[in-house]
Every structure is written in structure tokens, then in C-alpha cells.
Amino acid sequence: MDILFVLVPLSVLLVLLIIAGLWWAVERGQFDDVEQEGARILQGD
């Protein structure tokens, strides 16, 4: 039961880190033009 006092705050911290990473990626424009990047892979040089 004592381990829950460690695991619950760690899981909350992990969720906050994931949300912060996703927010950072959206703000930096990582998901702006997904369609063009998918088509770029299929095109030859």
C-alpha cells in the first residue's frame, strides 16, 4: 500500500510531461503539414 504514495505522484508527473511534450510539438509546428510529408516519402529524387 505504501508504494501507491510513490506511484500515483510519479504517474501524474509522467502525464504532465507527456502533455507538455505534445504542447511543445504543436507550438513548434510539428503537425502543421502532415499530408505533404507523407507524400514526400513516396516521391523519388
Protein backbone atom coordinates (compact mmCIF):
# COMPACT_ATOMS: atom_id res chain seq x y z
CA MET A 1 0.00 0.00 0.00
CA ASP A 2 2.90 2.36 0.68
CA ILE A 3 4.07 2.03 -2.90
CA LEU A 4 0.93 3.86 -4.04
CA PHE A 5 2.22 7.01 -2.35
CA VAL A 6 5.14 6.86 -4.79
CA LEU A 7 3.44 5.54 -7.92
CA VAL A 8 0.48 7.92 -8.01
CA PRO A 9 2.57 11.14 -7.96
CA LEU A 10 5.00 9.61 -10.47
CA SER A 11 2.18 8.74 -12.84
CA VAL A 12 0.72 12.24 -12.54
CA LEU A 13 4.17 13.69 -13.26
CA LEU A 14 4.53 11.42 -16.30
CA VAL A 15 1.15 12.51 -17.66
CA LEU A 16 2.10 16.16 -17.21
CA LEU A 17 5.39 15.59 -19.03
CA ILE A 18 3.59 13.91 -21.92
CA ILE A 19 1.10 16.76 -22.18
CA ALA A 20 3.92 19.31 -22.07
CA GLY A 21 5.78 17.46 -24.82
CA LEU A 22 2.71 17.33 -27.02
CA TRP A 23 2.01 21.03 -26.43
CA TRP A 24 5.63 21.85 -27.30
CA ALA A 25 5.42 19.86 -30.55
CA VAL A 26 2.17 21.55 -31.57
CA GLU A 27 3.54 25.02 -30.80
CA ARG A 28 6.70 24.37 -32.82
CA GLY A 29 4.67 23.32 -35.87
CA GLN A 30 5.44 19.62 -35.93
CA PHE A 31 1.91 18.77 -37.06
CA ASP A 32 1.31 21.64 -39.49
CA ASP A 33 1.55 19.81 -42.82
CA VAL A 34 1.26 16.08 -42.26
CA GLU A 35 -0.14 15.32 -45.74
CA GLN A 36 2.79 16.83 -47.63
CA GLU A 37 5.34 14.97 -45.52
CA GLY A 38 3.58 11.67 -46.18
CA ALA A 39 3.62 12.31 -49.93
CA ARG A 40 7.28 13.40 -49.87
CA ILE A 41 8.33 9.91 -48.79
CA LEU A 42 6.68 8.37 -51.85
CA GLN A 43 8.22 10.78 -54.36
CA GLY A 44 11.55 9.97 -55.93
CA ASP A 45 14.53 12.28 -56.03
